[in-house]
Amino acid sequence: MQTSTTSSYSELYSAYASGRLDPAFVLLLETQSMLRGGVRSALAVSEVISGLMLERDIPVSLSVGAGDRALALIEQIEAETAGQVQGTSSDESYADISELPDPLSGVASAAMQGRGWQATAPGIHRLALEVGSELEVELYRIQPGARVPRHTHGGQEFTLVVSGGFSDETGSFGPGDLSVKGPDDTHQPVGDEDGVCFALAVRDAGLRFTGIMGVIQRMLGK
């Protein structure tokens, strides 16, 4: 398993607890916390520390009715999210997504109402997720034995295995594992044979394919 350093994780946890973390990484961390108890505990500790620091701050008076308006907004968002999920439960294309952990399942269900799954290679589909971030956020569905075209990266890419697994030149990755790749890394993930792999990818730049796929990509100006 390839992951970022402990210090980098500490910074992510602190940013999460203080509400400063990019929405894309919030989704990644919260999803990973549903798969790994250690991550869940680390987030909880960070939130406690952040809460203690807030208690030491000088309180600021809220405007009249601010609390009621905030609660009303939360109820509205929850109602809209519930409506999105319930409205798609009868569609067979949502069956796999409904099995994903929260909050990923809700975000993916909402994305299905847009363009839905897009085929990128035989046995490979991707679903663009909207979380209010400028980063690229995608959910991948990799069939057993399917090969993602060999590629490198324009920047940093964080890939969290949500279910199933895949292997590449650096090793094997299973549920809860996080693969971190950069511009110097070239690899070709292959879906494990024991079931469909779902993987959540967050990146700050696009993929750069090699071989014939790279030629096509350059011809298209991407």
Protein backbone atom coordinates (compact mmCIF):
# COMPACT_ATOMS: atom_id res chain seq x y z
CA MET A 1 0.00 0.00 0.00
CA GLN A 2 1.40 3.37 -0.98
CA THR A 3 0.28 6.26 1.21
CA SER A 4 1.31 9.78 2.11
CA THR A 5 3.51 10.44 5.14
CA THR A 6 2.22 10.54 8.71
CA SER A 7 2.86 14.28 8.91
CA SER A 8 0.80 14.83 5.77
CA TYR A 9 -2.05 12.83 7.30
CA SER A 10 -1.85 14.89 10.50
CA GLU A 11 -2.20 18.05 8.43
CA LEU A 12 -5.21 16.57 6.61
CA TYR A 13 -6.88 15.61 9.89
CA SER A 14 -6.28 19.05 11.38
CA ALA A 15 -7.64 20.80 8.29
CA TYR A 16 -10.67 18.50 8.33
CA ALA A 17 -11.44 19.19 11.98
CA SER A 18 -11.14 22.95 11.50
CA GLY A 19 -13.30 22.97 8.37
CA ARG A 20 -10.46 24.12 6.10
CA LEU A 21 -10.05 20.91 4.07
CA ASP A 22 -10.99 20.87 0.38
CA PRO A 23 -14.38 19.15 -0.16
CA ALA A 24 -12.74 16.53 -2.39
CA PHE A 25 -10.46 15.38 0.44
CA VAL A 26 -13.32 15.61 2.93
CA LEU A 27 -15.17 13.02 0.84
CA LEU A 28 -12.05 10.87 0.56
CA LEU A 29 -11.28 10.95 4.30
CA GLU A 30 -14.87 10.40 5.40
CA THR A 31 -15.21 7.46 3.01
CA GLN A 32 -11.92 5.96 4.20
CA SER A 33 -13.02 6.41 7.80
CA MET A 34 -15.98 4.12 7.10
CA LEU A 35 -13.53 1.44 5.97
CA ARG A 36 -10.71 1.90 8.49
CA GLY A 37 -11.25 2.24 12.22
CA GLY A 38 -7.85 3.89 12.65
CA VAL A 39 -8.77 6.73 10.32
CA ARG A 40 -12.14 7.11 12.04
CA SER A 41 -10.42 7.41 15.42
CA ALA A 42 -7.85 9.92 14.11
CA LEU A 43 -10.61 12.15 12.74
CA ALA A 44 -12.48 11.95 16.03
CA VAL A 45 -9.36 12.96 18.00
CA SER A 46 -8.72 15.87 15.64
CA GLU A 47 -12.29 17.09 16.09
CA VAL A 48 -11.94 16.94 19.89
CA ILE A 49 -8.71 18.95 19.75
CA SER A 50 -10.32 21.48 17.42
CA GLY A 51 -13.30 21.75 19.77
CA LEU A 52 -11.06 22.45 22.76
CA MET A 53 -9.30 25.20 20.83
CA LEU A 54 -12.62 26.77 19.90
CA GLU A 55 -13.68 26.81 23.54
CA ARG A 56 -10.69 29.01 24.31
CA ASP A 57 -11.64 31.57 21.69
CA ILE A 58 -13.52 34.72 22.64
CA PRO A 59 -17.23 34.11 21.83
CA VAL A 60 -18.93 36.30 19.24
CA SER A 61 -22.63 37.12 19.41
CA LEU A 62 -24.79 35.79 16.57
CA SER A 63 -27.41 37.84 14.84
CA VAL A 64 -31.02 37.38 15.94
CA GLY A 65 -32.51 34.22 14.43
CA ALA A 66 -29.16 32.93 13.06
CA GLY A 67 -29.55 29.56 14.79
CA ASP A 68 -33.06 29.01 13.42
CA ARG A 69 -31.93 29.92 9.89
CA ALA A 70 -29.00 27.50 10.09
CA LEU A 71 -31.25 24.64 11.28
CA ALA A 72 -33.76 25.36 8.52
CA LEU A 73 -31.00 25.27 5.90
CA ILE A 74 -29.71 21.93 7.24
CA GLU A 75 -33.22 20.44 7.11
CA GLN A 76 -33.64 21.67 3.53
CA ILE A 77 -30.34 20.10 2.41
CA GLU A 78 -31.18 16.80 4.12
CA ALA A 79 -34.62 16.72 2.48
CA GLU A 80 -33.17 17.37 -0.98
CA THR A 81 -30.50 14.67 -0.52
CA ALA A 82 -33.07 12.13 0.67
CA GLY A 83 -35.25 12.92 -2.33
CA GLN A 84 -32.38 12.31 -4.72
CA VAL A 85 -31.57 8.90 -3.27
CA GLN A 86 -35.19 7.73 -2.96
CA GLY A 87 -36.00 8.84 -6.48
CA THR A 88 -33.37 6.55 -7.97
CA SER A 89 -33.75 3.44 -5.83
CA SER A 90 -35.84 1.59 -8.44
CA ASP A 91 -33.25 1.96 -11.20
CA GLU A 92 -31.05 -1.12 -11.52
CA SER A 93 -28.05 1.04 -12.44
CA TYR A 94 -27.97 2.29 -8.83
CA ALA A 95 -27.77 -1.16 -7.26
CA ASP A 96 -23.97 -1.20 -6.87
CA ILE A 97 -23.81 2.42 -5.73
CA SER A 98 -26.31 1.83 -2.93
CA GLU A 99 -23.84 -0.63 -1.38
CA LEU A 100 -21.07 1.96 -1.14
CA PRO A 101 -20.37 3.54 2.27
CA ASP A 102 -21.68 6.96 3.22
CA PRO A 103 -21.16 9.70 2.24
CA LEU A 104 -19.89 8.37 -1.10
CA SER A 105 -23.12 6.54 -1.95
CA GLY A 106 -25.16 9.76 -1.72
CA VAL A 107 -22.72 11.78 -3.84
CA ALA A 108 -22.56 9.01 -6.46
CA SER A 109 -26.36 8.68 -6.59
CA ALA A 110 -26.65 12.41 -7.26
CA ALA A 111 -24.03 12.15 -10.04
CA MET A 112 -26.03 9.39 -11.72
CA GLN A 113 -28.74 11.93 -12.46
CA GLY A 114 -26.28 13.74 -14.73
CA ARG A 115 -24.19 12.00 -17.38
CA GLY A 116 -23.92 8.82 -15.36
CA TRP A 117 -21.22 6.20 -15.96
CA GLN A 118 -18.86 6.89 -18.87
CA ALA A 119 -16.92 4.03 -20.51
CA THR A 120 -13.19 4.76 -20.76
CA ALA A 121 -11.83 1.32 -21.74
CA PRO A 122 -13.14 -2.26 -21.89
CA GLY A 123 -14.46 -3.07 -18.42
CA ILE A 124 -13.64 0.41 -17.08
CA HIS A 125 -16.26 3.05 -16.27
CA ARG A 126 -15.94 6.36 -14.46
CA LEU A 127 -18.45 8.63 -12.79
CA ALA A 128 -17.63 12.33 -12.36
CA LEU A 129 -18.58 13.51 -8.86
CA GLU A 130 -19.54 17.06 -7.93
CA VAL A 131 -18.54 18.04 -4.40
CA GLY A 132 -17.87 21.76 -4.77
CA SER A 133 -14.14 21.37 -5.39
CA GLU A 134 -11.87 22.55 -8.20
CA LEU A 135 -10.07 19.19 -8.04
CA GLU A 136 -11.06 16.28 -10.29
CA VAL A 137 -13.15 13.79 -8.33
CA GLU A 138 -14.19 10.53 -9.98
CA LEU A 139 -15.53 7.13 -8.99
CA TYR A 140 -14.16 4.22 -11.03
CA ARG A 141 -15.84 0.86 -11.61
CA ILE A 142 -13.30 -1.75 -12.71
CA GLN A 143 -14.44 -5.18 -13.83
CA PRO A 144 -12.37 -8.23 -12.77
CA GLY A 145 -9.27 -8.46 -14.96
CA ALA A 146 -9.96 -5.15 -16.72
CA ARG A 147 -6.92 -2.97 -17.38
CA VAL A 148 -6.83 0.79 -17.00
CA PRO A 149 -4.74 2.18 -19.92
CA ARG A 150 -1.14 2.75 -18.86
CA HIS A 151 -0.64 6.36 -17.82
CA THR A 152 1.29 8.89 -15.82
CA HIS A 153 -0.09 12.00 -14.11
CA GLY A 154 -0.09 15.74 -14.64
CA GLY A 155 0.00 16.23 -10.87
CA GLN A 156 -0.90 14.38 -7.69
CA GLU A 157 -3.49 11.59 -7.69
CA PHE A 158 -5.02 9.98 -4.60
CA THR A 159 -6.94 6.76 -5.24
CA LEU A 160 -8.93 5.11 -2.44
CA VAL A 161 -10.12 1.54 -2.97
CA VAL A 162 -13.69 1.40 -1.67
CA SER A 163 -14.49 -2.23 -2.50
CA GLY A 164 -12.81 -5.04 -4.41
CA GLY A 165 -9.23 -4.33 -5.34
CA PHE A 166 -6.65 -3.67 -8.04
CA SER A 167 -2.95 -4.25 -8.59
CA ASP A 168 -0.29 -2.30 -10.44
CA GLU A 169 3.49 -2.19 -10.70
CA THR A 170 3.78 -0.99 -7.09
CA GLY A 171 1.63 -3.65 -5.40
CA SER A 172 -1.92 -4.66 -4.55
CA PHE A 173 -4.58 -2.39 -3.07
CA GLY A 174 -7.72 -3.48 -1.21
CA PRO A 175 -10.61 -1.79 0.61
CA GLY A 176 -9.39 1.21 2.61
CA ASP A 177 -5.98 1.32 0.90
CA LEU A 178 -4.86 4.64 -0.53
CA SER A 179 -2.59 4.80 -3.58
CA VAL A 180 -0.73 8.08 -4.08
CA LYS A 181 0.85 8.79 -7.47
CA GLY A 182 2.62 11.80 -9.00
CA PRO A 183 4.11 13.00 -12.31
CA ASP A 184 7.05 10.60 -11.97
CA ASP A 185 4.84 7.52 -11.64
CA THR A 186 3.71 5.45 -14.62
CA HIS A 187 1.40 2.51 -13.95
CA GLN A 188 -1.42 0.33 -15.23
CA PRO A 189 -3.99 -0.71 -12.61
CA VAL A 190 -5.64 -4.09 -13.22
CA GLY A 191 -8.86 -5.14 -11.48
CA ASP A 192 -8.56 -8.13 -9.15
CA GLU A 193 -10.26 -11.31 -10.32
CA ASP A 194 -12.39 -11.82 -7.20
CA GLY A 195 -14.95 -9.09 -7.88
CA VAL A 196 -15.76 -5.61 -9.18
CA CYS A 197 -13.50 -2.85 -7.85
CA PHE A 198 -14.83 0.58 -6.93
CA ALA A 199 -12.17 3.26 -6.45
CA LEU A 200 -12.48 6.95 -5.57
CA ALA A 201 -9.89 9.16 -7.28
CA VAL A 202 -8.97 12.76 -6.40
CA ARG A 203 -6.40 14.57 -8.54
CA ASP A 204 -5.22 18.10 -9.24
CA ALA A 205 -4.44 17.46 -12.92
CA GLY A 206 -5.48 15.05 -15.65
CA LEU A 207 -4.06 11.67 -16.61
CA ARG A 208 -1.44 11.40 -19.34
CA PHE A 209 -1.76 8.18 -21.29
CA THR A 210 1.13 6.37 -22.92
CA GLY A 211 1.25 4.28 -26.10
CA ILE A 212 -1.57 4.52 -28.65
CA MET A 213 -3.91 6.06 -26.06
CA GLY A 214 -1.36 8.82 -25.54
CA VAL A 215 -1.20 9.47 -29.28
CA ILE A 216 -5.01 9.75 -29.45
CA GLN A 217 -5.04 12.00 -26.39
CA ARG A 218 -2.51 14.38 -27.98
CA MET A 219 -4.41 14.39 -31.28
CA LEU A 220 -7.54 15.44 -29.41
CA GLY A 221 -5.57 18.16 -27.64
CA LYS A 222 -6.34 16.86 -24.14
